[in-house]
Amino acid sequence: MNTSTEVVGSLLTIGDEILQGDIPNGNAHHIALKLREKGFQLQHIFTVGDREEVIAEMLLHCMKRSRFVIVSGGLGPTEDDRTNAAVSRALGLPLLHDSQYLGWLKDRFSNRGRPWTREAEKLTELPQGAVKIGREMAGHFLEHENVPCYFLPGVPHEMKDLMARFVLPHLEKKFPRRPYHVKRVLRFQDVFESEVGHELKQVDVDAWNLDVGYYPQVREVWVSLSASSHDPAEALMRVNEGERKVLERLGRHKMSGYGDDPLEKVVGRQLLQKNWKMAAAESCTGGLVAQRITSVSGSSGYFDRGFVTYSNEAKKTLLGVPGELLEVHGAVSGPVALAMAQGVREKAGVDIGVGITGIAGPTGGSAEKPVGTVFMACATADDSRVEKHLFQGDRETIRQFAGQAALQLLWRMLCR
């Protein structure tokens, strides 16, 4: 049993669809995150296509440099699933039928009235010495020259299941002595990345043996605090002290929450605390704000309804926006955004309304109101706020920025 402190591994994700950019590498993100939570580190993340010789070469590269290896993808029944053949090639291990799994899978096909095929049989062929993990999905474990290797399916929900049920418990048992890692992410609103960088220079992180990072995230700035120790209490203490110092520099009032606290969750809690209900009227965002709000479990306790009023006629008939307001100021204007917020609040009979109107592009802009111009408003019975923004980017980027800015405005109103 290994007792060294640092347990560093490599991750190899396989698939032409990842390498060519057809799908994002979400598996790598999940695996890295879960490993870090348990005190394991990745020194490499590699992605290769569905070529047997390349997979074999990279597998050997990882095994020579790592204390454990995780491979995701290429375990299915089709011709382009070549991970097991690559393992056989790299390690000189023949592919053999797992007799127990073969019997189980044949029974499963028979019970479902499905014909047995060569593709199905391929699923039961594993490198010699491999241990099958997971019955209803591809996956196996192989230890070679004291390096544990975990071969997981590329299907995200199957990979996550095997990571939780087998990989992480097995790694924890094999490497019991390792540092305890604590990482916390603080989410800040209404600050610039440069401002955060300047203020954090004043925090003496070295004195607390703390790693501090910061990065922008869709009109937010996230500050990460990390500490490692064999004493969990010590690591937690250092992160707590780091948070206190960061908030002293940046202002507690600018922090909306932690890493798992998107604004839709934060404003939901605020609305519940106030015992308020809200409604939204959207034009250029097409219901994005309502979608984000209602993505949170329990949102029926504070979200009443949403309107997507794209046309001027919809703004007039559904929200009561005066026609003369549209004629004088145009649909994309501060007065119309405010009228939308007030109108949806009154129509729904709720405590606070949100209104958004803008030009997401790529067409529709003018010299006076270029693409990216967005007005938004929040209105209560006795208060209202209107903001104008000019966002840069393609249509989807502008929509995402507008939705985030509207939630930020709502957050500030509810903080009062």
Protein backbone atom coordinates (compact mmCIF):
# COMPACT_ATOMS: atom_id res chain seq x y z
CA MET A 1 0.00 0.00 0.00
CA ASN A 2 1.37 3.38 -1.03
CA THR A 3 1.86 5.91 1.77
CA SER A 4 3.40 8.85 -0.12
CA THR A 5 1.54 12.10 0.29
CA GLU A 6 1.08 13.42 -3.25
CA VAL A 7 -1.13 11.20 -5.40
CA VAL A 8 -0.91 12.48 -8.96
CA GLY A 9 -2.60 10.88 -11.94
CA SER A 10 -3.40 11.35 -15.61
CA LEU A 11 -6.69 11.49 -17.46
CA LEU A 12 -7.08 10.34 -21.05
CA THR A 13 -10.35 11.17 -22.84
CA ILE A 14 -10.99 9.50 -26.17
CA GLY A 15 -13.17 10.45 -29.11
CA ASP A 16 -12.99 12.21 -32.46
CA GLU A 17 -16.10 14.14 -31.48
CA ILE A 18 -14.20 15.79 -28.60
CA LEU A 19 -10.98 16.32 -30.53
CA GLN A 20 -12.82 17.96 -33.43
CA GLY A 21 -14.88 20.23 -31.18
CA ASP A 22 -18.26 18.66 -31.87
CA ILE A 23 -18.95 18.24 -28.15
CA PRO A 24 -17.36 19.86 -25.06
CA ASN A 25 -15.15 17.74 -22.83
CA GLY A 26 -17.53 17.71 -19.88
CA ASN A 27 -16.20 14.37 -18.66
CA ALA A 28 -12.77 15.86 -18.02
CA HIS A 29 -14.28 18.67 -15.97
CA HIS A 30 -16.33 16.29 -13.83
CA ILE A 31 -13.51 13.81 -13.25
CA ALA A 32 -10.99 16.52 -12.33
CA LEU A 33 -13.44 18.13 -9.93
CA LYS A 34 -14.34 14.90 -8.14
CA LEU A 35 -10.70 13.84 -7.84
CA ARG A 36 -9.73 17.16 -6.30
CA GLU A 37 -12.53 16.88 -3.75
CA LYS A 38 -10.99 13.61 -2.54
CA GLY A 39 -7.41 14.87 -2.38
CA PHE A 40 -6.15 13.54 -5.71
CA GLN A 41 -4.46 15.62 -8.39
CA LEU A 42 -4.23 15.44 -12.16
CA GLN A 43 -0.94 16.48 -13.70
CA HIS A 44 -2.12 15.78 -17.27
CA ILE A 45 -5.38 15.74 -19.20
CA PHE A 46 -4.98 14.40 -22.73
CA THR A 47 -7.55 14.02 -25.49
CA VAL A 48 -6.98 11.75 -28.48
CA GLY A 49 -9.11 10.57 -31.37
CA ASP A 50 -10.35 7.08 -32.16
CA ARG A 51 -7.05 5.73 -33.53
CA GLU A 52 -5.84 2.56 -31.86
CA GLU A 53 -2.11 3.28 -32.19
CA VAL A 54 -2.47 6.82 -30.78
CA ILE A 55 -4.54 5.61 -27.82
CA ALA A 56 -1.95 2.91 -27.09
CA GLU A 57 0.94 5.38 -27.28
CA MET A 58 -0.72 7.89 -24.97
CA LEU A 59 -1.78 5.22 -22.49
CA LEU A 60 1.83 4.10 -22.10
CA HIS A 61 2.92 7.72 -21.75
CA CYS A 62 0.44 8.26 -18.92
CA MET A 63 1.27 5.04 -17.10
CA LYS A 64 4.99 5.82 -17.02
CA ARG A 65 4.41 9.22 -15.41
CA SER A 66 1.43 8.75 -13.13
CA ARG A 67 0.40 6.91 -10.00
CA PHE A 68 -3.03 6.24 -11.48
CA VAL A 69 -4.67 6.61 -14.88
CA ILE A 70 -8.31 7.20 -15.81
CA VAL A 71 -9.47 6.63 -19.39
CA SER A 72 -12.88 7.73 -20.62
CA GLY A 73 -14.45 6.72 -23.93
CA GLY A 74 -14.03 4.20 -26.72
CA LEU A 75 -15.50 1.18 -24.88
CA GLY A 76 -18.69 0.72 -26.88
CA PRO A 77 -19.67 -1.99 -29.38
CA THR A 78 -19.07 -0.11 -32.64
CA GLU A 79 -16.09 -0.34 -34.97
CA ASP A 80 -14.67 3.02 -33.89
CA ASP A 81 -14.60 2.00 -30.19
CA ARG A 82 -10.96 0.94 -29.97
CA THR A 83 -9.86 1.51 -26.38
CA ASN A 84 -9.69 -2.17 -25.40
CA ALA A 85 -7.76 -3.05 -28.55
CA ALA A 86 -5.37 -0.21 -27.73
CA VAL A 87 -4.86 -1.53 -24.18
CA SER A 88 -4.12 -4.97 -25.60
CA ARG A 89 -1.62 -3.45 -28.02
CA ALA A 90 0.10 -1.22 -25.47
CA LEU A 91 0.46 -3.77 -22.68
CA GLY A 92 0.73 -6.95 -24.68
CA LEU A 93 -2.40 -8.43 -23.13
CA PRO A 94 -4.77 -10.55 -25.20
CA LEU A 95 -8.46 -9.72 -25.31
CA LEU A 96 -10.46 -12.46 -23.59
CA HIS A 97 -14.16 -12.99 -23.02
CA ASP A 98 -15.35 -12.24 -19.48
CA SER A 99 -17.42 -15.42 -19.12
CA GLN A 100 -19.64 -14.15 -16.29
CA TYR A 101 -20.42 -10.92 -18.11
CA LEU A 102 -20.94 -12.82 -21.38
CA GLY A 103 -23.54 -15.05 -19.73
CA TRP A 104 -25.29 -12.13 -18.04
CA LEU A 105 -25.42 -10.08 -21.24
CA LYS A 106 -26.73 -12.97 -23.34
CA ASP A 107 -29.51 -13.54 -20.82
CA ARG A 108 -30.33 -9.85 -20.88
CA PHE A 109 -30.61 -9.85 -24.68
CA SER A 110 -32.72 -12.98 -24.63
CA ASN A 111 -35.10 -11.64 -21.98
CA ARG A 112 -35.63 -8.52 -24.05
CA GLY A 113 -36.16 -10.43 -27.27
CA ARG A 114 -33.09 -8.94 -28.92
CA PRO A 115 -30.85 -10.96 -31.25
CA TRP A 116 -27.28 -11.64 -30.15
CA THR A 117 -24.76 -9.85 -32.38
CA ARG A 118 -21.03 -9.58 -32.87
CA GLU A 119 -21.27 -5.97 -31.64
CA ALA A 120 -22.78 -7.15 -28.37
CA GLU A 121 -20.13 -9.84 -28.00
CA LYS A 122 -17.41 -7.20 -28.38
CA LEU A 123 -18.56 -5.64 -25.10
CA THR A 124 -17.49 -8.78 -23.23
CA GLU A 125 -13.92 -8.81 -24.59
CA LEU A 126 -11.57 -7.32 -21.99
CA PRO A 127 -7.77 -7.20 -21.69
CA GLN A 128 -6.40 -10.18 -19.79
CA GLY A 129 -6.49 -9.47 -16.05
CA ALA A 130 -9.12 -6.75 -16.30
CA VAL A 131 -11.98 -6.70 -13.79
CA LYS A 132 -15.42 -5.75 -15.10
CA ILE A 133 -17.04 -2.83 -13.27
CA GLY A 134 -20.65 -1.92 -13.88
CA ARG A 135 -23.12 -4.40 -15.34
CA GLU A 136 -25.36 -2.28 -17.53
CA MET A 137 -22.53 -0.19 -18.96
CA ALA A 138 -19.04 -0.56 -20.35
CA GLY A 139 -16.16 -0.20 -17.91
CA HIS A 140 -13.34 -2.15 -16.32
CA PHE A 141 -10.34 -1.89 -14.01
CA LEU A 142 -6.80 -3.08 -14.64
CA GLU A 143 -3.70 -2.73 -12.50
CA HIS A 144 -0.44 -2.95 -14.42
CA GLU A 145 2.98 -2.65 -12.79
CA ASN A 146 1.33 -1.24 -9.66
CA VAL A 147 -0.43 1.53 -11.61
CA PRO A 148 -4.23 1.30 -11.26
CA CYS A 149 -6.01 2.07 -14.53
CA TYR A 150 -9.74 2.79 -14.67
CA PHE A 151 -11.49 2.49 -18.04
CA LEU A 152 -14.82 4.32 -18.04
CA PRO A 153 -17.52 4.83 -20.67
CA GLY A 154 -17.70 8.13 -22.47
CA VAL A 155 -21.46 8.44 -21.84
CA PRO A 156 -21.52 11.13 -19.12
CA HIS A 157 -24.12 9.65 -16.75
CA GLU A 158 -22.45 6.22 -16.93
CA MET A 159 -19.01 7.70 -16.30
CA LYS A 160 -20.32 9.64 -13.29
CA ASP A 161 -21.94 6.53 -11.87
CA LEU A 162 -18.74 4.47 -12.06
CA MET A 163 -16.62 7.34 -10.72
CA ALA A 164 -18.83 7.54 -7.64
CA ARG A 165 -19.37 3.82 -7.05
CA PHE A 166 -15.98 2.39 -7.91
CA VAL A 167 -13.14 4.72 -8.94
CA LEU A 168 -13.12 7.15 -6.03
CA PRO A 169 -13.65 4.52 -3.28
CA HIS A 170 -10.94 2.34 -4.84
CA LEU A 171 -8.46 5.22 -5.05
CA GLU A 172 -9.17 6.24 -1.46
CA LYS A 173 -8.47 2.70 -0.27
CA LYS A 174 -5.29 2.31 -2.30
CA PHE A 175 -3.85 5.71 -1.37
CA PRO A 176 -5.10 6.41 2.17
CA ARG A 177 -2.40 8.95 3.05
CA ARG A 178 -2.79 12.09 0.97
CA PRO A 179 -3.34 15.80 1.60
CA TYR A 180 -6.80 17.07 2.41
CA HIS A 181 -7.79 19.79 -0.08
CA VAL A 182 -10.24 22.59 0.63
CA LYS A 183 -11.31 24.88 -2.20
CA ARG A 184 -13.87 27.64 -2.01
CA VAL A 185 -15.07 29.95 -4.76
CA LEU A 186 -16.48 33.39 -3.94
CA ARG A 187 -18.69 35.04 -6.57
CA PHE A 188 -18.53 38.84 -6.85
CA GLN A 189 -20.84 41.22 -8.69
CA ASP A 190 -20.21 44.77 -9.92
CA VAL A 191 -16.41 44.53 -9.88
CA PHE A 192 -13.84 44.38 -12.66
CA GLU A 193 -11.18 41.71 -12.93
CA SER A 194 -8.46 44.36 -12.81
CA GLU A 195 -9.93 45.80 -9.62
CA VAL A 196 -9.97 42.37 -8.01
CA GLY A 197 -6.37 41.76 -9.04
CA HIS A 198 -5.24 45.07 -7.54
CA GLU A 199 -7.02 44.47 -4.24
CA LEU A 200 -5.85 40.89 -3.88
CA LYS A 201 -2.24 42.00 -4.13
CA GLN A 202 -2.79 43.46 -0.67
CA VAL A 203 -3.72 40.07 0.80
CA ASP A 204 -0.75 38.25 2.33
CA VAL A 205 -1.63 34.78 1.07
CA ASP A 206 1.87 33.41 1.64
CA ALA A 207 1.53 33.90 5.38
CA TRP A 208 -1.48 31.56 5.31
CA ASN A 209 -0.06 29.08 2.80
CA LEU A 210 -3.04 29.74 0.59
CA ASP A 211 -3.51 29.60 -3.18
CA VAL A 212 -5.65 32.46 -4.49
CA GLY A 213 -6.89 32.84 -8.03
CA TYR A 214 -9.46 34.97 -9.81
CA TYR A 215 -11.15 34.88 -13.20
CA PRO A 216 -14.12 36.48 -14.97
CA GLN A 217 -17.32 34.50 -15.52
CA VAL A 218 -20.18 36.13 -17.52
CA ARG A 219 -20.24 39.54 -15.81
CA GLU A 220 -19.06 38.07 -12.50
CA VAL A 221 -15.58 37.69 -11.04
CA TRP A 222 -14.86 34.48 -9.19
CA VAL A 223 -12.17 34.33 -6.51
CA SER A 224 -10.90 30.85 -5.63
CA LEU A 225 -9.22 30.01 -2.32
CA SER A 226 -7.38 26.70 -1.92
CA ALA A 227 -5.43 25.11 0.90
CA SER A 228 -3.94 21.66 1.44
CA SER A 229 -3.00 19.93 4.67
CA HIS A 230 -3.03 16.51 6.30
CA ASP A 231 -5.13 18.16 9.01
CA PRO A 232 -8.59 18.98 7.57
CA ALA A 233 -9.24 21.56 10.30
CA GLU A 234 -6.06 23.43 9.43
CA ALA A 235 -6.88 23.56 5.71
CA LEU A 236 -10.39 24.80 6.48
CA MET A 237 -9.03 27.42 8.90
CA ARG A 238 -6.69 28.81 6.24
CA VAL A 239 -9.48 29.07 3.68
CA ASN A 240 -11.80 30.75 6.22
CA GLU A 241 -9.12 33.29 7.06
CA GLY A 242 -8.46 33.86 3.37
CA GLU A 243 -12.16 34.53 2.77
CA ARG A 244 -12.23 37.04 5.61
CA LYS A 245 -9.27 38.93 4.18
CA VAL A 246 -10.64 38.91 0.63
CA LEU A 247 -14.00 40.27 1.79
CA GLU A 248 -12.22 43.02 3.71
CA ARG A 249 -10.57 44.13 0.45
CA LEU A 250 -13.41 43.68 -2.03
CA GLY A 251 -16.44 44.36 0.16
CA ARG A 252 -18.83 41.79 1.57
CA HIS A 253 -21.76 43.57 -0.08
CA LYS A 254 -20.34 42.74 -3.54
CA MET A 255 -20.24 39.01 -2.89
CA SER A 256 -23.43 37.33 -4.03
CA GLY A 257 -22.57 33.77 -3.01
CA TYR A 258 -20.25 30.81 -3.38
CA GLY A 259 -19.34 28.56 -6.27
CA ASP A 260 -22.63 26.69 -6.31
CA ASP A 261 -24.71 29.85 -5.89
CA PRO A 262 -25.67 31.22 -9.32
CA LEU A 263 -27.71 34.41 -9.17
CA GLU A 264 -30.96 32.58 -9.92
CA LYS A 265 -30.53 30.70 -6.64
CA VAL A 266 -29.48 33.80 -4.73
CA VAL A 267 -32.41 35.95 -5.85
CA GLY A 268 -34.73 33.03 -5.16
CA ARG A 269 -33.60 32.94 -1.55
CA GLN A 270 -33.95 36.71 -1.31
CA LEU A 271 -37.50 36.57 -2.64
CA LEU A 272 -38.42 33.84 -0.17
CA GLN A 273 -36.93 35.82 2.71
CA LYS A 274 -39.02 38.84 1.75
CA ASN A 275 -42.06 36.65 1.04
CA TRP A 276 -42.22 38.25 -2.42
CA LYS A 277 -43.28 36.97 -5.79
CA MET A 278 -41.87 38.12 -9.12
CA ALA A 279 -42.75 38.08 -12.81
CA ALA A 280 -40.68 38.80 -15.91
CA ALA A 281 -41.38 40.39 -19.29
CA GLU A 282 -38.70 39.70 -21.88
CA SER A 283 -38.07 40.63 -25.46
CA CYS A 284 -34.50 40.07 -26.72
CA THR A 285 -33.72 37.41 -24.11
CA GLY A 286 -36.66 35.28 -25.25
CA GLY A 287 -37.53 33.90 -21.81
CA LEU A 288 -33.94 33.28 -20.69
CA VAL A 289 -34.43 35.00 -17.32
CA ALA A 290 -37.61 33.03 -16.62
CA GLN A 291 -35.83 29.83 -17.63
CA ARG A 292 -32.95 30.49 -15.24
CA ILE A 293 -35.23 31.41 -12.37
CA THR A 294 -37.43 28.34 -12.84
CA SER A 295 -34.43 26.00 -13.19
CA VAL A 296 -34.16 26.16 -9.38
CA SER A 297 -36.16 23.65 -7.37
CA GLY A 298 -38.85 25.39 -5.34
CA SER A 299 -39.05 28.42 -7.64
CA SER A 300 -42.85 28.08 -7.74
CA GLY A 301 -42.74 29.65 -4.29
CA TYR A 302 -41.62 32.99 -5.71
CA PHE A 303 -41.95 33.01 -9.52
CA ASP A 304 -45.44 33.67 -10.83
CA ARG A 305 -45.21 34.00 -14.60
CA GLY A 306 -43.16 35.16 -17.54
CA PHE A 307 -44.05 36.90 -20.82
CA VAL A 308 -42.02 36.88 -24.03
CA THR A 309 -43.35 40.02 -25.69
CA TYR A 310 -41.30 40.21 -28.86
CA SER A 311 -43.56 42.44 -30.93
CA ASN A 312 -44.79 45.94 -30.13
CA GLU A 313 -48.34 44.62 -30.29
CA ALA A 314 -47.55 42.02 -27.61
CA LYS A 315 -46.03 44.70 -25.40
CA LYS A 316 -49.20 46.76 -25.72
CA THR A 317 -51.84 44.05 -25.40
CA LEU A 318 -50.19 41.79 -22.82
CA LEU A 319 -48.31 44.31 -20.68
CA GLY A 320 -50.21 47.53 -21.25
CA VAL A 321 -47.21 49.43 -22.62
CA PRO A 322 -48.64 52.69 -24.04
CA GLY A 323 -48.49 52.93 -27.82
CA GLU A 324 -47.26 56.52 -27.69
CA LEU A 325 -44.32 55.40 -25.53
CA LEU A 326 -43.30 52.96 -28.25
CA GLU A 327 -43.72 55.58 -30.95
CA VAL A 328 -41.73 58.29 -29.20
CA HIS A 329 -38.91 56.25 -27.64
CA GLY A 330 -38.92 53.02 -29.66
CA ALA A 331 -39.27 49.48 -28.36
CA VAL A 332 -35.62 49.41 -27.30
CA SER A 333 -35.54 52.18 -24.72
CA GLY A 334 -35.47 52.85 -21.02
CA PRO A 335 -39.07 54.05 -20.77
CA VAL A 336 -40.36 50.93 -22.53
CA ALA A 337 -38.25 48.60 -20.35
CA LEU A 338 -39.69 50.33 -17.28
CA ALA A 339 -43.23 50.11 -18.65
CA MET A 340 -42.71 46.40 -19.28
CA ALA A 341 -41.50 45.85 -15.70
CA GLN A 342 -44.39 47.85 -14.26
CA GLY A 343 -46.89 46.22 -16.59
CA VAL A 344 -45.90 42.65 -15.81
CA ARG A 345 -45.92 43.39 -12.08
CA GLU A 346 -49.43 44.79 -12.28
CA LYS A 347 -50.77 42.10 -14.63
CA ALA A 348 -49.41 39.32 -12.42
CA GLY A 349 -50.25 41.05 -9.14
CA VAL A 350 -46.76 40.39 -7.79
CA ASP A 351 -44.29 42.35 -5.69
CA ILE A 352 -41.57 42.94 -8.28
CA GLY A 353 -41.42 42.88 -12.06
CA VAL A 354 -38.50 42.66 -14.49
CA GLY A 355 -38.52 44.06 -18.02
CA ILE A 356 -35.89 43.53 -20.74
CA THR A 357 -35.76 44.87 -24.28
CA GLY A 358 -32.85 45.12 -26.64
CA ILE A 359 -31.14 44.32 -29.95
CA ALA A 360 -29.37 40.95 -29.91
CA GLY A 361 -28.37 41.14 -33.56
CA PRO A 362 -26.75 40.52 -35.85
CA THR A 363 -29.32 42.68 -37.65
CA GLY A 364 -31.55 45.46 -36.37
CA GLY A 365 -28.98 47.90 -35.06
CA SER A 366 -28.57 51.56 -35.94
CA ALA A 367 -26.07 54.33 -35.30
CA GLU A 368 -28.17 55.51 -32.36
CA LYS A 369 -28.89 52.04 -31.03
CA PRO A 370 -26.24 49.58 -32.23
CA VAL A 371 -26.45 45.81 -31.89
CA GLY A 372 -25.92 44.90 -28.26
CA THR A 373 -27.99 47.78 -26.88
CA VAL A 374 -30.17 46.45 -24.07
CA PHE A 375 -32.41 48.24 -21.58
CA MET A 376 -33.68 46.53 -18.46
CA ALA A 377 -35.76 47.58 -15.49
CA CYS A 378 -37.04 46.35 -12.14
CA ALA A 379 -40.15 47.79 -10.55
CA THR A 380 -41.89 47.42 -7.21
CA ALA A 381 -44.91 49.32 -5.90
CA ASP A 382 -42.74 52.17 -4.62
CA ASP A 383 -39.37 51.89 -6.37
CA SER A 384 -37.90 51.28 -9.80
CA ARG A 385 -34.54 51.16 -11.56
CA VAL A 386 -33.60 51.26 -15.23
CA GLU A 387 -30.25 50.35 -16.76
CA LYS A 388 -28.77 50.65 -20.24
CA HIS A 389 -26.06 48.30 -21.46
CA LEU A 390 -24.06 47.90 -24.65
CA PHE A 391 -22.87 44.30 -24.93
CA GLN A 392 -20.34 42.97 -27.42
CA GLY A 393 -20.39 39.56 -29.09
CA ASP A 394 -22.61 37.35 -31.20
CA ARG A 395 -26.35 36.99 -30.70
CA GLU A 396 -26.16 34.25 -28.06
CA THR A 397 -23.43 36.05 -26.10
CA ILE A 398 -25.48 39.25 -26.00
CA ARG A 399 -28.54 37.31 -24.82
CA GLN A 400 -26.56 35.57 -22.09
CA PHE A 401 -25.00 38.83 -20.92
CA ALA A 402 -28.40 40.53 -20.91
CA GLY A 403 -29.96 37.76 -18.84
CA GLN A 404 -27.11 37.91 -16.34
CA ALA A 405 -27.30 41.72 -16.11
CA ALA A 406 -31.05 41.54 -15.48
CA LEU A 407 -30.49 39.10 -12.61
CA GLN A 408 -27.78 41.38 -11.24
CA LEU A 409 -30.22 44.31 -11.29
CA LEU A 410 -32.84 42.18 -9.55
CA TRP A 411 -30.24 41.11 -6.96
CA ARG A 412 -29.31 44.73 -6.19
CA MET A 413 -32.98 45.70 -5.83
CA LEU A 414 -33.60 42.84 -3.43
CA CYS A 415 -30.49 43.67 -1.38
CA ARG A 416 -31.97 47.01 -0.42
